[in-house]
Amino acid sequence: MSRPQTTLLVTLTGRDRPGVTSRLFSGLSPHDLTVLDVEQVVIRGHLVLGVLLACPDSPDLTAIHRQVSALADDLGMNAEITLGSGEQSRQRGRLHVTVLGNPLTPAVIAAIAGRIAAGGANIDKIGRLARRPVTCIEFDVSGADPDALRADLARESVGLGADIAVQRGGLHRRAMRLVVMDVDSTLLQDEAIDLLADRAGCAAEVSALTAAAMRGEVDYAAALRQRVELLAGLDASVVDELTEKLRLTPGARTLIRTLKRLGYRCGVVSGGFTQITDWLTAELSLDYAAANTLEIADGKLTGRVTGELIDRPGKERMLRQFAAQAGVRLSQTVAVGDGANDLDMIAAAGLGIAFNAKPAVRSAADTTVSVPHLDAILFLLGISRDDVEAADAADSALAASVPER
């Protein structure tokens, strides 16, 4: 039976500056060592650099220690060298635990770390994905049961006032290729039908039906027909004027722009109306859209919708159709919504996200986002704010360099 491999862990800490990594490895290069692992992080100019090395059974620790210590003294840093045996294997079942907070307090981190430890799992790495408009920290965790940890942290998140997502690591998250969103109160801040009802003089009645349908208290299809009937006789020009009043949710443009830059397909599926989704498709360059169509005759709304009804089952049906058209598995889809009519598509998607949602949706979704910034969804996909801003800056620089014709 072979003996365990002898290892050295060399750690440098102190003020960061150019050349630290190069100088450390140059100092180690004369010795009979093999690099097994490297971890480096910089926080507010403070560097932590760890190098795990395999070495002969009887390494010249005195020479290595002298060389590393001299380097650390010259750089004004601290050095530590630890002799060990073997490299700890990384456990299977790696997870990403993503936490969003505004603000993000120490109590939140303590609670998450405590639940991970209580489950016998280990935190391998912690990193920041964003500092604004929310703070987002991600833990790489190994050895955890995903369902148990997700349930534990879901219970914790309610009292902590933070959003916590637990997702499988590895290729799973990188495989997400299609994002489908609800429209009213998700991609848009508004409920379009409520704005139409305001013009028709039936705002209170329609708003009450909308709220009940979104909470799942009444059948969505029946509530939709009742609300549309109340709009009968409204001039069709009001629908066109509505797009000037609709407000995109903060971060919507950033979300769509970034996803499409990365090769994602983006779509919307709405219990609202094609007159709105057509405008959104043109405005945001969406790939797919499905909604109900308001029937118009003689320039007036008839109080009916035409075509195939997009209700709760219809939303799931369209998610599956979009996935087929995009050539991706359902496990590669992300569904985002806020109301009861989004529940089926959220359940069917590879990742279901409740965005500022009703309680029934929050409890059914894989994860929640309760901040009013739609681009926070990017962080759940492992995309950092720094990467988004760098890409935007590069595109701006490229556009500025192109001469006008």
Protein backbone atom coordinates (compact mmCIF):
# COMPACT_ATOMS: atom_id res chain seq x y z
CA MET A 1 0.00 0.00 0.00
CA SER A 2 1.49 3.35 -1.04
CA ARG A 3 2.26 5.93 1.60
CA PRO A 4 0.27 9.19 1.66
CA GLN A 5 1.84 12.01 -0.30
CA THR A 6 3.68 14.64 1.74
CA THR A 7 2.28 18.15 1.21
CA LEU A 8 3.18 21.70 2.11
CA LEU A 9 0.64 24.50 2.49
CA VAL A 10 2.25 27.91 1.98
CA THR A 11 0.10 30.91 2.94
CA LEU A 12 0.94 34.58 2.38
CA THR A 13 -1.22 37.37 3.84
CA GLY A 14 -0.83 41.13 3.76
CA ARG A 15 -1.23 44.22 1.62
CA ASP A 16 -1.68 43.34 -2.03
CA ARG A 17 0.68 44.66 -4.69
CA PRO A 18 1.72 43.64 -8.20
CA GLY A 19 4.16 40.74 -8.44
CA VAL A 20 3.43 38.88 -5.19
CA THR A 21 2.27 35.67 -6.89
CA SER A 22 5.12 35.73 -9.40
CA ARG A 23 7.75 36.23 -6.72
CA LEU A 24 6.38 33.45 -4.49
CA PHE A 25 6.39 30.87 -7.27
CA SER A 26 9.81 32.02 -8.49
CA GLY A 27 11.13 31.43 -4.97
CA LEU A 28 9.60 27.96 -4.84
CA SER A 29 10.73 26.91 -8.34
CA PRO A 30 14.29 25.70 -7.37
CA HIS A 31 12.77 23.06 -5.07
CA ASP A 32 11.39 19.65 -6.03
CA LEU A 33 7.75 20.60 -5.62
CA THR A 34 4.51 20.05 -7.56
CA VAL A 35 1.61 22.48 -7.45
CA LEU A 36 -1.63 20.77 -6.34
CA ASP A 37 -3.89 23.74 -5.66
CA VAL A 38 -3.86 27.55 -5.53
CA GLU A 39 -6.37 29.91 -3.92
CA GLN A 40 -6.06 33.69 -3.97
CA VAL A 41 -8.46 36.40 -2.80
CA VAL A 42 -8.14 40.16 -2.36
CA ILE A 43 -10.48 42.07 -0.04
CA ARG A 44 -10.07 45.86 0.14
CA GLY A 45 -6.43 45.56 -0.87
CA HIS A 46 -5.62 42.73 1.57
CA LEU A 47 -4.27 39.57 -0.09
CA VAL A 48 -4.64 35.98 1.08
CA LEU A 49 -2.66 33.59 -1.14
CA GLY A 50 -2.58 29.87 -0.40
CA VAL A 51 -0.53 27.29 -2.34
CA LEU A 52 -0.74 23.54 -1.74
CA LEU A 53 2.37 21.66 -2.91
CA ALA A 54 3.38 18.03 -3.14
CA CYS A 55 6.99 17.37 -2.13
CA PRO A 56 9.49 14.52 -1.52
CA ASP A 57 9.27 12.50 1.68
CA SER A 58 12.08 14.53 3.25
CA PRO A 59 11.73 18.10 1.95
CA ASP A 60 14.32 20.68 2.85
CA LEU A 61 11.88 22.58 5.04
CA THR A 62 14.59 24.82 6.43
CA ALA A 63 15.56 26.13 2.99
CA ILE A 64 11.94 26.54 1.88
CA HIS A 65 10.96 28.28 5.11
CA ARG A 66 13.97 30.59 4.92
CA GLN A 67 13.21 31.54 1.32
CA VAL A 68 9.49 32.14 1.86
CA SER A 69 10.09 34.06 5.10
CA ALA A 70 12.66 36.31 3.42
CA LEU A 71 10.20 37.01 0.61
CA ALA A 72 7.43 37.82 3.10
CA ASP A 73 9.70 40.16 5.08
CA ASP A 74 10.72 41.95 1.90
CA LEU A 75 7.06 42.43 0.94
CA GLY A 76 5.92 43.36 4.44
CA MET A 77 3.64 40.31 4.57
CA ASN A 78 3.06 37.35 6.88
CA ALA A 79 3.98 33.80 5.84
CA GLU A 80 2.96 30.41 7.20
CA ILE A 81 4.15 26.96 6.09
CA THR A 82 2.32 23.82 7.20
CA LEU A 83 3.52 20.26 6.58
CA GLY A 84 0.80 17.71 5.94
CA SER A 85 0.03 14.32 4.46
CA GLY A 86 -2.08 13.87 1.34
CA GLU A 87 -4.48 16.22 -0.38
CA GLN A 88 -8.00 16.30 1.03
CA SER A 89 -10.29 15.13 -1.74
CA ARG A 90 -13.14 17.40 -2.69
CA GLN A 91 -16.44 15.86 -1.71
CA ARG A 92 -19.12 15.10 -4.25
CA GLY A 93 -22.45 16.87 -4.24
CA ARG A 94 -21.15 20.39 -4.50
CA LEU A 95 -23.73 23.14 -4.12
CA HIS A 96 -23.94 26.88 -4.63
CA VAL A 97 -25.64 28.75 -1.80
CA THR A 98 -26.39 32.29 -2.97
CA VAL A 99 -27.59 34.95 -0.54
CA LEU A 100 -29.00 38.37 -1.47
CA GLY A 101 -29.52 41.08 1.11
CA ASN A 102 -30.11 44.80 1.26
CA PRO A 103 -28.47 45.23 3.68
CA LEU A 104 -26.68 41.92 4.25
CA THR A 105 -25.94 41.59 7.95
CA PRO A 106 -23.46 39.39 9.86
CA ALA A 107 -26.43 37.56 11.40
CA VAL A 108 -27.44 36.29 7.95
CA ILE A 109 -23.98 34.89 7.21
CA ALA A 110 -23.79 33.35 10.70
CA ALA A 111 -27.14 31.62 10.26
CA ILE A 112 -26.24 30.22 6.84
CA ALA A 113 -22.83 28.99 7.98
CA GLY A 114 -24.43 27.46 11.06
CA ARG A 115 -27.03 25.53 9.05
CA ILE A 116 -24.35 24.25 6.67
CA ALA A 117 -22.19 23.07 9.57
CA ALA A 118 -25.17 21.51 11.37
CA GLY A 119 -25.80 19.38 8.28
CA GLY A 120 -22.24 18.05 8.38
CA ALA A 121 -21.28 19.93 5.22
CA ASN A 122 -18.28 22.12 4.51
CA ILE A 123 -17.86 25.61 3.06
CA ASP A 124 -15.08 25.36 0.48
CA LYS A 125 -15.17 28.92 -0.80
CA ILE A 126 -17.01 32.21 -0.29
CA GLY A 127 -17.05 35.02 -2.82
CA ARG A 128 -18.94 38.21 -3.61
CA LEU A 129 -21.00 38.48 -6.79
CA ALA A 130 -22.39 41.99 -6.26
CA ARG A 131 -22.26 44.93 -3.91
CA ARG A 132 -25.08 46.91 -5.56
CA PRO A 133 -27.98 47.34 -5.99
CA VAL A 134 -27.96 44.50 -3.46
CA THR A 135 -25.14 42.64 -1.76
CA CYS A 136 -24.77 39.10 -3.06
CA ILE A 137 -22.46 36.52 -1.50
CA GLU A 138 -22.06 32.96 -2.76
CA PHE A 139 -20.88 29.91 -0.81
CA ASP A 140 -19.44 26.83 -2.53
CA VAL A 141 -20.52 23.95 -0.29
CA SER A 142 -19.61 20.26 -0.38
CA GLY A 143 -21.05 17.26 1.41
CA ALA A 144 -24.55 18.68 1.89
CA ASP A 145 -27.91 17.11 1.15
CA PRO A 146 -29.41 19.67 -1.27
CA ASP A 147 -33.07 19.12 -0.35
CA ALA A 148 -32.45 19.24 3.38
CA LEU A 149 -30.22 22.31 3.15
CA ARG A 150 -32.70 24.09 0.87
CA ALA A 151 -35.53 23.43 3.33
CA ASP A 152 -33.44 24.54 6.33
CA LEU A 153 -32.33 27.77 4.68
CA ALA A 154 -35.81 28.53 3.35
CA ARG A 155 -37.06 28.53 6.93
CA GLU A 156 -34.13 30.70 8.02
CA SER A 157 -34.60 33.24 5.22
CA VAL A 158 -38.07 34.30 6.39
CA GLY A 159 -36.79 35.59 9.71
CA LEU A 160 -33.49 36.88 8.35
CA GLY A 161 -34.97 39.14 5.68
CA ALA A 162 -32.65 37.75 3.01
CA ASP A 163 -33.11 35.70 -0.16
CA ILE A 164 -31.22 32.39 -0.12
CA ALA A 165 -30.91 30.03 -3.09
CA VAL A 166 -29.48 26.50 -3.03
CA GLN A 167 -28.50 25.08 -6.41
CA ARG A 168 -26.50 22.14 -7.62
CA GLY A 169 -22.96 23.03 -8.67
CA GLY A 170 -20.92 21.82 -11.61
CA LEU A 171 -22.38 21.91 -15.09
CA HIS A 172 -26.01 22.15 -13.98
CA ARG A 173 -26.17 25.91 -13.55
CA ARG A 174 -23.97 26.59 -16.56
CA ALA A 175 -26.43 24.64 -18.71
CA MET A 176 -29.29 27.13 -18.22
CA ARG A 177 -30.09 28.48 -21.69
CA LEU A 178 -33.67 29.85 -21.68
CA VAL A 179 -35.27 32.38 -19.33
CA VAL A 180 -39.05 32.89 -19.48
CA MET A 181 -40.71 35.62 -17.44
CA ASP A 182 -44.15 36.70 -16.45
CA VAL A 183 -44.96 40.27 -17.53
CA ASP A 184 -47.30 42.15 -15.16
CA SER A 185 -45.60 42.92 -11.82
CA THR A 186 -42.52 41.00 -12.97
CA LEU A 187 -40.96 42.35 -16.16
CA LEU A 188 -43.24 45.37 -15.75
CA GLN A 189 -43.93 47.22 -12.52
CA ASP A 190 -47.56 47.64 -13.54
CA GLU A 191 -50.61 45.45 -14.10
CA ALA A 192 -51.65 46.50 -17.60
CA ILE A 193 -55.27 45.46 -17.15
CA ASP A 194 -55.55 47.68 -14.07
CA LEU A 195 -54.37 50.66 -16.11
CA LEU A 196 -56.94 49.89 -18.80
CA ALA A 197 -59.62 49.54 -16.15
CA ASP A 198 -58.74 52.95 -14.79
CA ARG A 199 -59.52 54.44 -18.21
CA ALA A 200 -62.72 52.40 -18.44
CA GLY A 201 -63.92 53.60 -15.03
CA CYS A 202 -63.93 50.16 -13.39
CA ALA A 203 -60.56 50.22 -11.63
CA ALA A 204 -61.75 49.03 -8.21
CA GLU A 205 -63.64 46.01 -9.54
CA VAL A 206 -60.82 44.90 -11.85
CA SER A 207 -58.12 45.46 -9.25
CA ALA A 208 -59.97 43.32 -6.71
CA LEU A 209 -60.35 40.49 -9.24
CA THR A 210 -56.67 40.78 -10.23
CA ALA A 211 -55.49 40.55 -6.63
CA ALA A 212 -57.70 37.54 -5.90
CA ALA A 213 -56.50 35.74 -9.04
CA MET A 214 -52.85 36.38 -8.23
CA ARG A 215 -53.34 34.98 -4.72
CA GLY A 216 -54.97 31.90 -6.21
CA GLU A 217 -58.29 32.55 -4.51
CA VAL A 218 -60.33 32.45 -7.75
CA ASP A 219 -59.90 30.63 -11.05
CA TYR A 220 -57.58 32.70 -13.21
CA ALA A 221 -59.33 32.04 -16.52
CA ALA A 222 -62.76 32.97 -15.09
CA ALA A 223 -61.32 36.09 -13.44
CA LEU A 224 -59.65 37.12 -16.71
CA ARG A 225 -62.91 36.87 -18.65
CA GLN A 226 -64.75 38.85 -15.98
CA ARG A 227 -62.16 41.61 -16.02
CA VAL A 228 -62.05 41.84 -19.81
CA GLU A 229 -65.85 42.04 -19.96
CA LEU A 230 -65.65 45.16 -17.82
CA LEU A 231 -63.48 46.79 -20.51
CA ALA A 232 -66.12 46.45 -23.24
CA GLY A 233 -66.60 49.66 -25.22
CA LEU A 234 -63.19 51.13 -24.36
CA ASP A 235 -61.60 52.83 -27.37
CA ALA A 236 -58.84 50.67 -28.85
CA SER A 237 -56.50 53.66 -29.08
CA VAL A 238 -56.22 53.53 -25.28
CA VAL A 239 -54.32 50.24 -25.59
CA ASP A 240 -51.74 51.85 -27.87
CA GLU A 241 -51.40 54.83 -25.53
CA LEU A 242 -50.80 52.44 -22.63
CA THR A 243 -47.28 51.54 -23.72
CA GLU A 244 -46.20 55.13 -23.02
CA LYS A 245 -47.19 54.70 -19.37
CA LEU A 246 -45.87 51.22 -18.71
CA ARG A 247 -42.78 51.05 -16.50
CA LEU A 248 -40.15 48.37 -16.87
CA THR A 249 -39.00 46.88 -13.58
CA PRO A 250 -35.59 48.27 -12.53
CA GLY A 251 -32.83 46.08 -13.95
CA ALA A 252 -35.01 44.59 -16.70
CA ARG A 253 -32.92 45.96 -19.55
CA THR A 254 -29.68 44.92 -17.85
CA LEU A 255 -31.02 41.41 -17.29
CA ILE A 256 -32.14 40.87 -20.88
CA ARG A 257 -29.06 42.53 -22.40
CA THR A 258 -26.69 40.42 -20.31
CA LEU A 259 -28.52 37.15 -20.91
CA LYS A 260 -28.59 37.68 -24.66
CA ARG A 261 -24.91 38.64 -24.62
CA LEU A 262 -24.23 35.23 -23.06
CA GLY A 263 -26.28 33.39 -25.67
CA TYR A 264 -29.45 32.83 -23.64
CA ARG A 265 -32.87 32.88 -25.28
CA CYS A 266 -35.37 35.16 -23.51
CA GLY A 267 -39.15 35.04 -23.59
CA VAL A 268 -42.29 36.28 -21.87
CA VAL A 269 -45.54 34.51 -21.20
CA SER A 270 -48.39 36.63 -19.94
CA GLY A 271 -51.96 36.29 -18.78
CA GLY A 272 -52.19 39.83 -20.11
CA PHE A 273 -52.36 40.88 -23.71
CA THR A 274 -50.43 40.52 -26.95
CA GLN A 275 -50.81 44.25 -27.51
CA ILE A 276 -48.38 44.67 -24.58
CA THR A 277 -46.06 41.72 -25.27
CA ASP A 278 -45.65 42.83 -28.90
CA TRP A 279 -44.33 46.16 -27.63
CA LEU A 280 -42.03 44.42 -25.12
CA THR A 281 -40.69 42.08 -27.81
CA ALA A 282 -39.68 45.04 -29.96
CA GLU A 283 -38.41 47.10 -27.03
CA LEU A 284 -36.21 44.37 -25.51
CA SER A 285 -35.49 42.16 -28.55
CA LEU A 286 -37.15 39.15 -26.95
CA ASP A 287 -37.02 35.78 -28.66
CA TYR A 288 -40.43 34.45 -27.64
CA ALA A 289 -43.73 35.87 -26.43
CA ALA A 290 -47.20 34.52 -25.71
CA ALA A 291 -50.26 36.27 -24.28
CA ASN A 292 -54.00 36.70 -24.72
CA THR A 293 -55.36 38.98 -27.45
CA LEU A 294 -58.02 41.60 -26.76
CA GLU A 295 -60.74 41.40 -29.39
CA ILE A 296 -61.35 44.70 -31.18
CA ALA A 297 -64.29 45.55 -33.43
CA ASP A 298 -65.09 48.93 -34.95
CA GLY A 299 -62.24 50.50 -33.00
CA LYS A 300 -63.61 49.35 -29.62
CA LEU A 301 -62.80 46.55 -27.18
CA THR A 302 -65.54 43.94 -27.32
CA GLY A 303 -64.97 42.64 -23.80
CA ARG A 304 -63.63 39.30 -25.06
CA VAL A 305 -60.25 37.71 -25.75
CA THR A 306 -59.51 35.66 -28.84
CA GLY A 307 -57.34 32.66 -29.53
CA GLU A 308 -55.84 30.11 -27.17
CA LEU A 309 -56.19 31.19 -23.55
CA ILE A 310 -52.95 31.79 -21.65
CA ASP A 311 -53.88 30.87 -18.10
CA ARG A 312 -51.99 28.88 -15.45
CA PRO A 313 -51.75 25.64 -17.51
CA GLY A 314 -51.19 27.75 -20.63
CA LYS A 315 -48.08 29.35 -19.15
CA GLU A 316 -46.48 25.96 -18.52
CA ARG A 317 -47.50 24.85 -22.02
CA MET A 318 -45.78 27.87 -23.56
CA LEU A 319 -42.62 27.32 -21.47
CA ARG A 320 -42.41 23.81 -22.89
CA GLN A 321 -43.06 25.11 -26.40
CA PHE A 322 -40.37 27.80 -26.13
CA ALA A 323 -37.89 25.20 -24.84
CA ALA A 324 -38.66 22.94 -27.80
CA GLN A 325 -38.23 25.84 -30.22
CA ALA A 326 -34.93 26.79 -28.58
CA GLY A 327 -33.74 23.18 -28.66
CA VAL A 328 -33.07 22.99 -24.91
CA ARG A 329 -34.17 20.57 -22.22
CA LEU A 330 -36.74 21.73 -19.69
CA SER A 331 -34.02 21.35 -17.04
CA GLN A 332 -32.13 24.14 -18.85
CA THR A 333 -34.94 26.65 -18.39
CA VAL A 334 -35.54 29.38 -15.81
CA ALA A 335 -39.07 30.60 -15.08
CA VAL A 336 -39.76 33.85 -13.20
CA GLY A 337 -43.12 34.97 -11.88
CA ASP A 338 -45.07 36.44 -9.00
CA GLY A 339 -48.65 35.12 -9.07
CA ALA A 340 -50.60 31.91 -8.69
CA ASN A 341 -50.97 31.57 -12.47
CA ASP A 342 -47.16 31.24 -12.65
CA LEU A 343 -47.02 28.21 -10.35
CA ASP A 344 -47.14 25.51 -13.02
CA MET A 345 -44.37 26.98 -15.17
CA ILE A 346 -42.23 27.66 -12.08
CA ALA A 347 -42.63 24.03 -11.04
CA ALA A 348 -41.81 22.74 -14.53
CA ALA A 349 -38.67 24.83 -15.10
CA GLY A 350 -35.17 23.75 -14.17
CA LEU A 351 -35.02 26.78 -11.86
CA GLY A 352 -38.23 28.44 -10.67
CA ILE A 353 -37.84 31.95 -9.23
CA ALA A 354 -40.52 33.81 -7.27
CA PHE A 355 -39.98 37.53 -7.91
CA ASN A 356 -41.54 39.76 -5.23
CA ALA A 357 -44.21 37.09 -5.18
CA LYS A 358 -47.30 36.11 -3.27
CA PRO A 359 -46.71 33.72 -0.33
CA ALA A 360 -48.02 30.66 -2.18
CA VAL A 361 -45.54 31.27 -5.00
CA ARG A 362 -42.63 31.92 -2.65
CA SER A 363 -43.17 28.61 -0.88
CA ALA A 364 -43.43 26.66 -4.15
CA ALA A 365 -40.48 28.18 -6.03
CA ASP A 366 -36.90 26.94 -5.94
CA THR A 367 -35.80 30.35 -4.73
CA THR A 368 -37.06 33.88 -4.23
CA VAL A 369 -35.97 37.40 -5.08
CA SER A 370 -37.62 39.98 -2.85
CA VAL A 371 -35.62 43.05 -3.87
CA PRO A 372 -37.10 45.30 -6.59
CA HIS A 373 -34.25 44.70 -9.04
CA LEU A 374 -34.87 42.18 -11.79
CA ASP A 375 -31.18 41.92 -12.69
CA ALA A 376 -30.56 40.27 -9.30
CA ILE A 377 -31.59 37.10 -11.15
CA LEU A 378 -28.19 37.22 -12.85
CA PHE A 379 -26.49 36.55 -9.53
CA LEU A 380 -28.51 33.35 -9.09
CA LEU A 381 -26.97 32.23 -12.37
CA GLY A 382 -23.45 32.91 -11.06
CA ILE A 383 -22.97 36.11 -13.09
CA SER A 384 -21.24 38.85 -11.12
CA ARG A 385 -22.01 42.57 -11.17
CA ASP A 386 -18.37 43.30 -12.07
CA ASP A 387 -18.64 41.09 -15.17
CA VAL A 388 -21.87 42.81 -16.24
CA GLU A 389 -20.41 46.28 -15.84
CA ALA A 390 -17.18 45.34 -17.61
CA ALA A 391 -19.13 43.99 -20.59
CA ASP A 392 -21.30 47.12 -20.72
CA ALA A 393 -18.21 49.33 -20.60
CA ALA A 394 -16.55 47.35 -23.40
CA ASP A 395 -19.66 47.67 -25.58
CA SER A 396 -19.82 51.42 -24.91
CA ALA A 397 -16.16 51.85 -25.81
CA LEU A 398 -16.66 49.87 -29.02
CA ALA A 399 -19.70 51.94 -29.99
CA ALA A 400 -17.80 55.17 -29.32
CA SER A 401 -14.92 54.02 -31.56
CA VAL A 402 -17.16 53.44 -34.57
CA PRO A 403 -17.23 56.62 -36.70
CA GLU A 404 -20.62 58.05 -37.59
CA ARG A 405 -21.66 57.88 -41.24
